[in-house]
Amino acid sequence: MGDSLKKRYAYKLLTNLISLPIAVITQAIIPRILGPMNYGNYSFLTGFYGSLVGFFDSGTSIALFTKLSQRQKEKALVSFYWQFVALVLILMLSVISVLVLIGIDRMIWPKQTVRFIFMGLFWGWLKWLFQVVQKILDALGHTRQGEIIRMFQKSVACVLLVQLYYVGNLSLECFFYYEYGVVLVYIVSCYLYLQYNDISLFPFVKVNHVAYVKEFYSYSGPLVFASFIALIVNVFDRWLLQRFFGAEEQGYFGLAYQAAAVCFLFSSAMTPIFTREFAIAHEKAELRKKRHLFMKYVPLLYFVSAFLALFVTFNASIFVRLLGGDNYEGAVLVLAIMAFYPIHQTYGQLCGAVFYSTNATKQYRNIRLFNMAISLPISYVLIAPVEFYGLGFAAQGLAVKMIATQLIGVNVMLYFVCKMIRLKFVKFLLQQILVIGLLLVLVVVTNYLCSLLVTHELVRLLLSGFFYLCFSLVLVFLYPKIISFRRNDLINFIVSVKERIIKTNL
C-alpha cells in the first residue's frame, strides 16, 4: 500500500527544498558558462520543442497518470503509452528531416544550425520521457522512492556541472549531451528500482490498441485542437523574440523564466499528488473530500508562491547578478515581471488537475482556447518593433503578456472549478487580492528598513528575507483565514512539530 497524501507531499516537498540550493547553483552556472547568446539559443530551442512535445502529449500523460492511479496492475496501459511515445519520436524526426531537406529550417528556427535543431528535438523527447516516468512512479504510489532517486540525479548533475564550469567555457553541443546524460541517469535508476520490486517500467505485454486509442481519445481528444493552438501561440511568442531581437533577448527571457520557476517549487511538489487524490475521490463520488482537498491546499500553496514571487520581484537586480552576472543586466526588469508568473501558475496547475481528474477535458479545452485567442494579438503588439506596428518591448513585452493572459485564464478556470465542486468563487478571488496586497506591504517595508541598516547587497538580501519571513509567519498566525486555516489547526501543527523535534532529540 502506498504512502499517505501527507507523507508523499512531505517527500516531494523535502526533495524540492533540498533541491533549492542545487537549482540556484545550476541556474547560476548555466547562463554564465554558455553566455547570453548560446543561452538564448538554448532557451529558444528548448522552448520550441517543449511546446511541440506538449502538443503531442495533449494531456495524454495526465490521462495515463489518472487511469494508472485507478488501475495500478494494468501493465498493458503502460505498454501502450510507451509505444505512443516511440511513435511520436519517429514522427517528429521524419517531419523535421523533411523541413530541413526542403530548406525552410532557417525560417522556422532563425539563426540555428541543423545540428542544434535535431539536438533540441532529442532534448524535448527525453524530457517528456522523464516526466512520464515520474508520473508512473507517482501513480503506483512510489513517490517517496522516486523523489530519493530524483535527489540522487540532481546531486550528480550538479557536481558534474560544477566540474564543467571549472574546466572553462562549455559549448552548446556539449551542454546538450550533459542534459541527455542527466535525464538518462534518472530513467535508468527508476527502471532498476522498479525491476528490483518486480515492477516493469517498460512492460512487453499484449495490447488492445483499438480499445486504448478510444479510451485515450475520449479523455484527451478534446484537448488536441487546444494543444495545437497552444503550440502555435508558444512557438509564435519565442519566434517573434528570436526573429526581431535575436538570441540575447531570448537569453534574458530564458534566465528570468528559469529563476521565476524556483518560486513554484512548493506547488509543483503537490500537483501530481493532488491530481491523484482528486481522481480517486472523483471515482468514488466523494464531493466532500474533493472540496476539502481544494480548500485545504490551494489557498496555502498560493500564499507560499506569492510570498516567494514578491520577494524575487523586489530583489530582481540582485538575483540577476547572482544567477547570470553582469552580462545579463538586461534581464532585471524581465525577471521583476516574470516573478509574478508562479503566483497564478499555482491556481492554474491545481485547477487544471481538477479538470483532468474529473474527465472535464472539453470544458478545459474551451477555456484554454478562449485564453489563447486573446494571446496572439497581445504578443504581437507587445513584442514586435515599432516599425512593424508593435511597441517593441522585446523580452519585457513577452513577460507582460504571459502574466496578463495567465491572470485572465486562471480565474476563468477557477470560476468553473468552484462551480463544479460547489465553492464560492468570490472567496478565492478576494483571497488572491488580499494575499498580494498584504505581502506587498511586508516586502516593501522590510526591503526599505534593511536598505537603511545594511549596504552590502547580499547581506541586505538575506536580512530582508529573514524579516520578511518572520513578518509573514506572524501574519498567518494572526489571520490564519488568509490560507483557509483555523487558529486551532496552526496551534496543533506547531505542537506536533515540537513533539517530533523532542522525540528526535531523545
Protein backbone atom coordinates (compact mmCIF):
# COMPACT_ATOMS: atom_id res chain seq x y z
CA MET A 1 0.00 0.00 0.00
CA GLY A 2 1.26 3.49 -0.93
CA ASP A 3 2.21 6.23 1.48
CA SER A 4 -0.39 8.70 2.76
CA LEU A 5 -1.00 12.00 0.97
CA LYS A 6 0.82 13.97 3.68
CA LYS A 7 3.82 11.66 3.61
CA ARG A 8 4.05 11.71 -0.18
CA TYR A 9 3.78 15.50 -0.27
CA ALA A 10 6.37 15.72 2.51
CA TYR A 11 8.83 13.73 0.38
CA LYS A 12 8.06 15.80 -2.71
CA LEU A 13 8.47 19.00 -0.73
CA LEU A 14 11.63 17.79 1.04
CA THR A 15 13.19 16.91 -2.30
CA ASN A 16 12.31 20.35 -3.65
CA LEU A 17 13.70 22.07 -0.56
CA ILE A 18 16.95 20.12 -0.75
CA SER A 19 16.96 20.80 -4.50
CA LEU A 20 16.65 24.55 -3.94
CA PRO A 21 20.39 25.21 -3.39
CA ILE A 22 21.16 22.80 -6.23
CA ALA A 23 18.75 24.68 -8.50
CA VAL A 24 20.31 28.01 -7.52
CA ILE A 25 23.84 26.71 -8.20
CA THR A 26 22.72 25.21 -11.52
CA GLN A 27 20.95 28.37 -12.64
CA ALA A 28 23.94 30.46 -11.61
CA ILE A 29 26.33 28.31 -13.65
CA ILE A 30 24.42 27.56 -16.87
CA PRO A 31 23.85 31.17 -18.05
CA ARG A 32 27.45 32.08 -17.16
CA ILE A 33 29.04 29.07 -18.80
CA LEU A 34 27.04 29.43 -22.02
CA GLY A 35 26.89 33.23 -22.23
CA PRO A 36 23.84 35.28 -23.32
CA MET A 37 23.97 34.22 -26.99
CA ASN A 38 24.31 30.45 -26.52
CA TYR A 39 21.95 30.53 -23.55
CA GLY A 40 19.44 32.40 -25.71
CA ASN A 41 19.71 29.79 -28.49
CA TYR A 42 19.33 27.02 -25.91
CA SER A 43 16.27 28.76 -24.44
CA PHE A 44 14.73 29.22 -27.90
CA LEU A 45 15.24 25.59 -28.96
CA THR A 46 14.11 24.06 -25.68
CA GLY A 47 11.08 26.36 -25.61
CA PHE A 48 10.18 25.32 -29.16
CA TYR A 49 10.50 21.59 -28.56
CA GLY A 50 8.88 21.80 -25.15
CA SER A 51 5.81 23.28 -26.88
CA LEU A 52 5.95 20.70 -29.69
CA VAL A 53 6.10 17.78 -27.26
CA GLY A 54 3.32 19.42 -25.26
CA PHE A 55 1.16 19.31 -28.39
CA PHE A 56 1.82 15.61 -28.96
CA ASP A 57 1.18 14.94 -25.28
CA SER A 58 -2.14 16.88 -25.30
CA GLY A 59 -2.92 15.70 -21.79
CA THR A 60 -2.29 12.03 -22.60
CA SER A 61 0.38 11.74 -19.88
CA ILE A 62 -2.14 13.11 -17.36
CA ALA A 63 -4.63 10.56 -18.70
CA LEU A 64 -2.05 7.81 -18.14
CA PHE A 65 -1.39 9.09 -14.61
CA THR A 66 -5.11 9.32 -13.74
CA LYS A 67 -6.01 5.91 -15.17
CA LEU A 68 -2.94 4.14 -13.76
CA SER A 69 -3.74 5.61 -10.33
CA GLN A 70 -7.11 3.87 -10.56
CA ARG A 71 -5.88 0.64 -12.26
CA GLN A 72 -2.38 0.08 -10.94
CA LYS A 73 -1.93 -3.53 -12.09
CA GLU A 74 -2.78 -2.85 -15.73
CA LYS A 75 0.58 -3.37 -17.48
CA ALA A 76 -0.95 -3.06 -20.95
CA LEU A 77 -1.85 0.56 -20.18
CA VAL A 78 1.81 1.45 -19.62
CA SER A 79 2.97 -0.61 -22.61
CA PHE A 80 0.51 1.14 -24.91
CA TYR A 81 1.68 4.57 -23.79
CA TRP A 82 5.35 3.79 -24.36
CA GLN A 83 4.52 2.67 -27.89
CA PHE A 84 2.80 6.02 -28.40
CA VAL A 85 5.88 7.89 -27.11
CA ALA A 86 8.15 5.97 -29.53
CA LEU A 87 5.78 6.69 -32.42
CA VAL A 88 5.90 10.42 -31.66
CA LEU A 89 9.72 10.40 -31.84
CA ILE A 90 9.65 8.72 -35.26
CA LEU A 91 7.04 11.21 -36.48
CA MET A 92 8.96 14.26 -35.24
CA LEU A 93 12.22 13.02 -36.77
CA SER A 94 10.51 12.40 -40.11
CA VAL A 95 8.73 15.77 -40.31
CA ILE A 96 11.72 17.84 -39.22
CA SER A 97 14.03 15.95 -41.61
CA VAL A 98 11.68 16.84 -44.48
CA LEU A 99 11.61 20.52 -43.39
CA VAL A 100 15.42 20.60 -43.34
CA LEU A 101 15.70 18.87 -46.73
CA ILE A 102 13.36 21.31 -48.47
CA GLY A 103 15.32 24.21 -46.96
CA ILE A 104 12.80 26.04 -44.77
CA ASP A 105 14.51 25.26 -41.47
CA ARG A 106 16.08 28.73 -41.21
CA MET A 107 12.67 30.35 -41.47
CA ILE A 108 11.25 28.20 -38.66
CA TRP A 109 14.40 28.20 -36.50
CA PRO A 110 16.12 31.58 -37.17
CA LYS A 111 19.92 31.56 -36.86
CA GLN A 112 20.09 27.89 -35.82
CA THR A 113 22.28 25.13 -37.29
CA VAL A 114 20.79 21.80 -38.38
CA ARG A 115 22.78 20.01 -35.68
CA PHE A 116 21.21 22.07 -32.90
CA ILE A 117 17.73 21.72 -34.44
CA PHE A 118 17.96 17.94 -34.03
CA MET A 119 19.71 18.12 -30.66
CA GLY A 120 16.84 20.26 -29.39
CA LEU A 121 14.39 17.66 -30.68
CA PHE A 122 16.02 14.86 -28.68
CA TRP A 123 16.11 17.15 -25.62
CA GLY A 124 12.34 17.69 -25.83
CA TRP A 125 11.61 13.99 -26.29
CA LEU A 126 13.86 12.89 -23.41
CA LYS A 127 12.30 15.49 -21.09
CA TRP A 128 8.92 14.01 -21.97
CA LEU A 129 10.20 10.54 -21.06
CA PHE A 130 11.45 11.93 -17.76
CA GLN A 131 8.00 13.38 -16.94
CA VAL A 132 6.19 10.17 -17.93
CA VAL A 133 8.45 8.06 -15.69
CA GLN A 134 7.76 10.46 -12.79
CA LYS A 135 4.01 10.13 -13.36
CA ILE A 136 4.22 6.33 -13.44
CA LEU A 137 6.03 6.22 -10.09
CA ASP A 138 3.55 8.67 -8.53
CA ALA A 139 0.55 6.76 -9.90
CA LEU A 140 1.89 3.48 -8.48
CA GLY A 141 2.36 5.09 -5.06
CA HIS A 142 6.19 5.07 -5.17
CA THR A 143 6.52 8.83 -4.73
CA ARG A 144 8.98 8.58 -1.83
CA GLN A 145 11.38 6.31 -3.69
CA GLY A 146 11.01 8.36 -6.86
CA GLU A 147 11.97 11.52 -5.01
CA ILE A 148 15.03 9.84 -3.49
CA ILE A 149 16.15 8.85 -6.99
CA ARG A 150 15.47 12.37 -8.27
CA MET A 151 17.54 13.80 -5.44
CA PHE A 152 20.41 11.47 -6.37
CA GLN A 153 20.09 12.53 -10.02
CA LYS A 154 20.10 16.24 -9.19
CA SER A 155 23.14 15.88 -6.93
CA VAL A 156 25.15 14.01 -9.56
CA ALA A 157 24.13 16.56 -12.21
CA CYS A 158 25.14 19.49 -10.01
CA VAL A 159 28.57 18.03 -9.17
CA LEU A 160 29.24 17.33 -12.86
CA LEU A 161 28.13 20.84 -13.87
CA VAL A 162 30.44 22.47 -11.30
CA GLN A 163 33.34 20.42 -12.70
CA LEU A 164 32.46 21.52 -16.24
CA TYR A 165 32.31 25.14 -15.06
CA TYR A 166 35.87 24.99 -13.72
CA VAL A 167 37.07 23.37 -16.93
CA GLY A 168 36.11 26.53 -18.83
CA ASN A 169 33.61 27.66 -21.44
CA LEU A 170 31.16 24.94 -22.39
CA SER A 171 29.86 24.68 -25.95
CA LEU A 172 26.13 24.39 -26.55
CA GLU A 173 26.64 20.96 -28.11
CA CYS A 174 28.42 19.63 -25.01
CA PHE A 175 25.72 21.11 -22.82
CA PHE A 176 23.01 19.24 -24.73
CA TYR A 177 24.95 15.98 -24.19
CA TYR A 178 25.16 16.83 -20.50
CA GLU A 179 21.35 17.30 -20.39
CA TYR A 180 20.81 13.94 -22.11
CA GLY A 181 23.01 12.19 -19.55
CA VAL A 182 21.19 13.77 -16.61
CA VAL A 183 17.79 12.54 -17.84
CA LEU A 184 19.09 9.05 -18.65
CA VAL A 185 20.57 8.68 -15.14
CA TYR A 186 17.08 9.23 -13.68
CA ILE A 187 15.29 6.90 -16.10
CA VAL A 188 17.80 4.06 -15.68
CA SER A 189 17.73 4.45 -11.87
CA CYS A 190 13.93 4.28 -11.82
CA TYR A 191 13.98 1.26 -14.11
CA LEU A 192 16.38 -0.61 -11.83
CA TYR A 193 14.41 0.32 -8.69
CA LEU A 194 11.09 -0.89 -10.14
CA GLN A 195 12.74 -4.01 -11.55
CA TYR A 196 14.04 -4.79 -8.05
CA ASN A 197 10.44 -4.58 -6.80
CA ASP A 198 9.15 -6.87 -9.59
CA ILE A 199 7.56 -3.98 -11.48
CA SER A 200 8.37 -3.42 -15.13
CA LEU A 201 8.77 0.19 -16.21
CA PHE A 202 8.68 -0.90 -19.87
CA PRO A 203 6.36 -3.95 -19.90
CA PHE A 204 6.08 -6.00 -23.10
CA VAL A 205 2.56 -7.38 -23.00
CA LYS A 206 -0.29 -7.84 -25.44
CA VAL A 207 -2.11 -4.56 -26.01
CA ASN A 208 -5.62 -3.95 -27.31
CA HIS A 209 -4.66 -0.89 -29.34
CA VAL A 210 -8.18 -0.09 -30.54
CA ALA A 211 -9.61 -0.06 -27.01
CA TYR A 212 -6.81 2.11 -25.62
CA VAL A 213 -6.91 4.54 -28.56
CA LYS A 214 -10.63 5.02 -27.93
CA GLU A 215 -10.09 5.44 -24.18
CA PHE A 216 -7.29 7.97 -24.52
CA TYR A 217 -9.08 9.80 -27.32
CA SER A 218 -12.24 10.20 -25.24
CA TYR A 219 -10.08 11.72 -22.50
CA SER A 220 -7.51 13.74 -24.45
CA GLY A 221 -9.25 14.13 -27.83
CA PRO A 222 -10.95 17.39 -26.82
CA LEU A 223 -7.51 18.80 -25.90
CA VAL A 224 -5.79 18.09 -29.24
CA PHE A 225 -7.07 21.20 -31.02
CA ALA A 226 -6.38 23.36 -27.96
CA SER A 227 -2.87 21.91 -27.71
CA PHE A 228 -2.29 22.68 -31.38
CA ILE A 229 -3.32 26.30 -30.86
CA ALA A 230 -1.11 26.40 -27.74
CA LEU A 231 1.79 25.14 -29.87
CA ILE A 232 1.25 27.94 -32.37
CA VAL A 233 0.96 30.59 -29.64
CA ASN A 234 4.04 29.44 -27.69
CA VAL A 235 6.20 29.00 -30.78
CA PHE A 236 4.99 32.33 -32.18
CA ASP A 237 5.98 34.13 -28.96
CA ARG A 238 9.52 32.76 -28.97
CA TRP A 239 9.84 33.07 -32.75
CA LEU A 240 8.90 36.77 -32.64
CA LEU A 241 11.52 37.38 -29.98
CA GLN A 242 14.19 35.44 -31.89
CA ARG A 243 13.29 36.94 -35.29
CA PHE A 244 13.25 40.60 -34.26
CA PHE A 245 15.62 40.79 -31.28
CA GLY A 246 17.89 37.73 -31.53
CA ALA A 247 19.37 35.27 -29.07
CA GLU A 248 20.43 37.85 -26.49
CA GLU A 249 16.87 38.94 -25.64
CA GLN A 250 15.92 35.26 -25.75
CA GLY A 251 18.62 34.66 -23.14
CA TYR A 252 17.24 37.41 -20.90
CA PHE A 253 13.79 35.88 -21.05
CA GLY A 254 15.16 32.37 -20.50
CA LEU A 255 17.07 33.45 -17.40
CA ALA A 256 14.01 35.22 -15.98
CA TYR A 257 11.74 32.26 -16.72
CA GLN A 258 14.05 29.75 -15.03
CA ALA A 259 14.60 31.98 -11.99
CA ALA A 260 10.85 32.52 -11.61
CA ALA A 261 10.28 28.75 -11.82
CA VAL A 262 12.09 28.33 -8.48
CA CYS A 263 9.12 30.09 -6.81
CA PHE A 264 6.89 27.24 -8.00
CA LEU A 265 8.80 24.51 -6.16
CA PHE A 266 6.29 24.11 -3.32
CA SER A 267 3.22 23.99 -5.54
CA SER A 268 4.79 21.71 -8.14
CA ALA A 269 5.53 19.18 -5.40
CA MET A 270 1.83 18.96 -4.62
CA THR A 271 0.34 18.94 -8.14
CA PRO A 272 0.75 15.22 -9.06
CA ILE A 273 -0.32 14.09 -5.59
CA PHE A 274 -3.32 16.44 -5.61
CA THR A 275 -4.31 15.13 -9.05
CA ARG A 276 -4.10 11.51 -7.90
CA GLU A 277 -6.14 12.07 -4.72
CA PHE A 278 -8.72 14.16 -6.56
CA ALA A 279 -9.07 11.47 -9.26
CA ILE A 280 -9.64 8.78 -6.62
CA ALA A 281 -12.17 10.97 -4.78
CA HIS A 282 -13.99 11.62 -8.06
CA GLU A 283 -14.03 7.90 -8.89
CA LYS A 284 -15.71 7.27 -5.52
CA ALA A 285 -18.07 10.27 -5.96
CA GLU A 286 -16.81 11.86 -2.72
CA LEU A 287 -17.75 15.51 -3.21
CA ARG A 288 -16.90 16.43 0.37
CA LYS A 289 -13.36 15.10 0.01
CA LYS A 290 -12.86 16.96 -3.28
CA ARG A 291 -13.95 20.23 -1.68
CA HIS A 292 -11.73 19.56 1.33
CA LEU A 293 -8.68 18.91 -0.87
CA PHE A 294 -9.21 22.10 -2.87
CA MET A 295 -9.92 24.36 0.12
CA LYS A 296 -7.06 22.94 2.19
CA TYR A 297 -4.20 23.05 -0.30
CA VAL A 298 -4.92 25.67 -2.98
CA PRO A 299 -5.01 28.86 -0.81
CA LEU A 300 -1.98 27.69 1.19
CA LEU A 301 0.13 26.96 -1.88
CA TYR A 302 -0.97 30.22 -3.50
CA PHE A 303 0.24 32.11 -0.41
CA VAL A 304 3.63 30.36 -0.49
CA SER A 305 4.10 31.04 -4.22
CA ALA A 306 3.12 34.70 -3.77
CA PHE A 307 5.48 35.03 -0.79
CA LEU A 308 8.46 33.84 -2.85
CA ALA A 309 7.50 35.63 -6.06
CA LEU A 310 7.13 39.07 -4.49
CA PHE A 311 10.49 38.73 -2.76
CA VAL A 312 12.14 37.92 -6.10
CA THR A 313 10.37 40.83 -7.81
CA PHE A 314 11.64 43.42 -5.34
CA ASN A 315 15.16 42.00 -5.41
CA ALA A 316 15.34 41.21 -9.12
CA SER A 317 18.60 43.08 -9.74
CA ILE A 318 20.43 41.13 -7.03
CA PHE A 319 19.09 37.78 -8.24
CA VAL A 320 20.08 38.51 -11.85
CA ARG A 321 23.65 39.36 -10.81
CA LEU A 322 23.83 36.21 -8.67
CA LEU A 323 22.45 33.95 -11.39
CA GLY A 324 23.85 35.40 -14.60
CA GLY A 325 26.39 38.07 -13.75
CA ASP A 326 26.80 41.50 -15.30
CA ASN A 327 26.20 40.18 -18.84
CA TYR A 328 22.52 39.70 -18.03
CA GLU A 329 21.76 43.20 -16.77
CA GLY A 330 19.03 43.47 -19.42
CA ALA A 331 17.11 40.67 -17.67
CA VAL A 332 16.40 42.63 -14.45
CA LEU A 333 13.04 44.11 -15.46
CA VAL A 334 12.09 40.88 -17.24
CA LEU A 335 12.65 38.92 -14.01
CA ALA A 336 10.79 41.53 -11.93
CA ILE A 337 7.75 40.91 -14.16
CA MET A 338 8.16 37.15 -14.66
CA ALA A 339 8.41 36.54 -10.90
CA PHE A 340 4.64 37.06 -10.81
CA TYR A 341 4.12 34.08 -13.15
CA PRO A 342 4.38 31.31 -10.49
CA ILE A 343 1.76 33.03 -8.32
CA HIS A 344 -1.18 32.16 -10.55
CA GLN A 345 0.61 29.16 -12.00
CA THR A 346 -0.32 27.53 -8.70
CA TYR A 347 -4.01 28.07 -9.35
CA GLY A 348 -3.57 27.07 -12.99
CA GLN A 349 -1.88 23.75 -12.19
CA LEU A 350 -4.28 22.75 -9.44
CA CYS A 351 -7.42 23.88 -11.29
CA GLY A 352 -6.14 22.02 -14.32
CA ALA A 353 -5.71 18.95 -12.12
CA VAL A 354 -9.41 19.17 -11.22
CA PHE A 355 -10.45 19.21 -14.88
CA TYR A 356 -8.15 16.32 -15.75
CA SER A 357 -9.06 14.13 -12.78
CA THR A 358 -12.82 14.60 -13.35
CA ASN A 359 -12.54 13.98 -17.13
CA ALA A 360 -13.89 17.51 -17.82
CA THR A 361 -11.39 17.98 -20.64
CA LYS A 362 -13.86 19.56 -23.09
CA GLN A 363 -14.54 22.42 -20.71
CA TYR A 364 -10.82 22.77 -20.03
CA ARG A 365 -10.18 22.93 -23.79
CA ASN A 366 -12.75 25.69 -24.28
CA ILE A 367 -11.21 27.83 -21.53
CA ARG A 368 -7.73 27.40 -22.99
CA LEU A 369 -8.97 28.30 -26.48
CA PHE A 370 -10.53 31.49 -25.14
CA ASN A 371 -7.30 32.42 -23.41
CA MET A 372 -5.15 31.71 -26.47
CA ALA A 373 -7.49 33.69 -28.75
CA ILE A 374 -6.57 36.87 -26.89
CA SER A 375 -2.92 35.86 -26.55
CA LEU A 376 -1.67 36.13 -30.15
CA PRO A 377 -2.58 39.78 -30.81
CA ILE A 378 -1.27 40.82 -27.39
CA SER A 379 2.04 39.06 -28.13
CA TYR A 380 2.50 40.83 -31.43
CA VAL A 381 1.67 44.29 -30.11
CA LEU A 382 3.97 43.96 -27.08
CA ILE A 383 6.95 42.20 -28.73
CA ALA A 384 7.15 43.41 -32.35
CA PRO A 385 9.28 46.52 -33.03
CA VAL A 386 7.72 49.93 -33.74
CA GLU A 387 8.45 49.76 -37.49
CA PHE A 388 6.29 46.62 -37.60
CA TYR A 389 3.43 48.35 -35.72
CA GLY A 390 4.31 46.92 -32.31
CA LEU A 391 5.54 48.50 -29.08
CA GLY A 392 8.98 46.88 -29.26
CA PHE A 393 9.16 45.78 -25.63
CA ALA A 394 11.02 42.55 -26.61
CA ALA A 395 11.54 40.14 -23.68
CA GLN A 396 9.77 42.54 -21.29
CA GLY A 397 6.75 42.51 -23.57
CA LEU A 398 6.65 38.71 -23.62
CA ALA A 399 6.81 38.67 -19.82
CA VAL A 400 3.92 41.17 -19.52
CA LYS A 401 1.84 39.17 -21.99
CA MET A 402 2.36 35.91 -20.08
CA ILE A 403 1.32 37.48 -16.77
CA ALA A 404 -1.74 39.22 -18.22
CA THR A 405 -3.13 36.23 -20.14
CA GLN A 406 -2.41 33.85 -17.28
CA LEU A 407 -4.27 36.06 -14.80
CA ILE A 408 -7.36 36.05 -17.03
CA GLY A 409 -7.25 32.35 -17.96
CA VAL A 410 -6.62 31.06 -14.45
CA ASN A 411 -9.51 32.97 -12.94
CA VAL A 412 -11.87 31.73 -15.65
CA MET A 413 -10.75 28.18 -14.78
CA LEU A 414 -11.18 28.88 -11.08
CA TYR A 415 -14.75 30.10 -11.65
CA PHE A 416 -15.78 26.85 -13.34
CA VAL A 417 -13.92 24.67 -10.80
CA CYS A 418 -15.73 26.42 -7.95
CA LYS A 419 -19.00 25.83 -9.76
CA MET A 420 -18.12 22.17 -10.30
CA ILE A 421 -17.34 21.40 -6.64
CA ARG A 422 -19.78 23.93 -5.15
CA LEU A 423 -17.44 26.50 -3.65
CA LYS A 424 -17.67 30.30 -3.65
CA PHE A 425 -15.55 31.83 -6.41
CA VAL A 426 -15.63 35.30 -4.83
CA LYS A 427 -13.95 33.95 -1.70
CA PHE A 428 -10.95 32.70 -3.68
CA LEU A 429 -10.81 35.87 -5.76
CA LEU A 430 -10.69 38.05 -2.65
CA GLN A 431 -8.04 35.80 -1.15
CA GLN A 432 -5.81 36.38 -4.20
CA ILE A 433 -6.10 40.17 -3.89
CA LEU A 434 -5.68 40.16 -0.11
CA VAL A 435 -2.58 37.94 -0.16
CA ILE A 436 -0.84 40.05 -2.81
CA GLY A 437 -1.76 43.30 -1.02
CA LEU A 438 -0.56 42.25 2.43
CA LEU A 439 2.64 40.57 1.22
CA LEU A 440 3.37 43.59 -0.96
CA VAL A 441 3.29 45.83 2.11
CA LEU A 442 5.54 43.45 4.06
CA VAL A 443 8.18 43.08 1.33
CA VAL A 444 8.32 46.84 0.66
CA VAL A 445 8.67 47.66 4.37
CA THR A 446 11.34 45.01 5.05
CA ASN A 447 13.36 45.96 1.95
CA TYR A 448 13.25 49.65 2.87
CA LEU A 449 14.25 49.10 6.51
CA CYS A 450 17.10 46.76 5.59
CA SER A 451 18.41 49.22 2.97
CA LEU A 452 18.75 51.78 5.79
CA LEU A 453 20.61 49.31 8.02
CA VAL A 454 22.89 47.44 5.58
CA THR A 455 24.77 48.50 2.45
CA HIS A 456 26.25 45.14 1.41
CA GLU A 457 23.97 43.73 -1.27
CA LEU A 458 23.99 40.03 -0.34
CA VAL A 459 23.73 40.67 3.42
CA ARG A 460 20.81 43.02 2.77
CA LEU A 461 19.10 40.32 0.69
CA LEU A 462 19.47 37.71 3.44
CA LEU A 463 18.43 40.08 6.22
CA SER A 464 15.38 41.39 4.39
CA GLY A 465 14.41 37.80 3.52
CA PHE A 466 14.63 36.79 7.19
CA PHE A 467 12.46 39.69 8.40
CA TYR A 468 10.03 39.22 5.52
CA LEU A 469 9.64 35.55 6.51
CA CYS A 470 9.12 36.42 10.19
CA PHE A 471 6.50 39.08 9.45
CA SER A 472 4.71 36.73 7.05
CA LEU A 473 4.54 33.96 9.67
CA VAL A 474 3.15 36.46 12.20
CA LEU A 475 0.55 37.49 9.60
CA VAL A 476 -0.53 33.87 9.09
CA PHE A 477 -0.74 33.25 12.83
CA LEU A 478 -2.79 36.41 13.47
CA TYR A 479 -5.00 35.91 10.42
CA PRO A 480 -4.99 32.18 9.50
CA LYS A 481 -8.06 32.56 7.27
CA ILE A 482 -5.76 34.04 4.66
CA ILE A 483 -4.63 30.47 3.91
CA SER A 484 -8.05 28.93 4.75
CA PHE A 485 -6.79 27.60 8.08
CA ARG A 486 -8.21 27.92 11.59
CA ARG A 487 -6.15 29.05 14.56
CA ASN A 488 -6.50 25.61 16.18
CA ASP A 489 -5.12 23.96 13.04
CA LEU A 490 -1.98 26.08 13.27
CA ILE A 491 -1.56 25.51 17.00
CA ASN A 492 -1.97 21.74 16.56
CA PHE A 493 0.56 21.78 13.73
CA ILE A 494 3.11 23.71 15.83
CA VAL A 495 2.59 21.33 18.77
CA SER A 496 3.02 18.24 16.57
CA VAL A 497 6.25 19.64 15.07
CA LYS A 498 7.54 20.44 18.55
CA GLU A 499 6.77 16.90 19.77
CA ARG A 500 8.57 15.37 16.80
CA ILE A 501 11.65 17.52 17.44
CA ILE A 502 11.68 16.47 21.13
CA LYS A 503 11.35 12.78 20.18
CA THR A 504 14.17 13.13 17.66
CA ASN A 505 16.47 14.72 20.27
CA LEU A 506 15.65 11.99 22.78
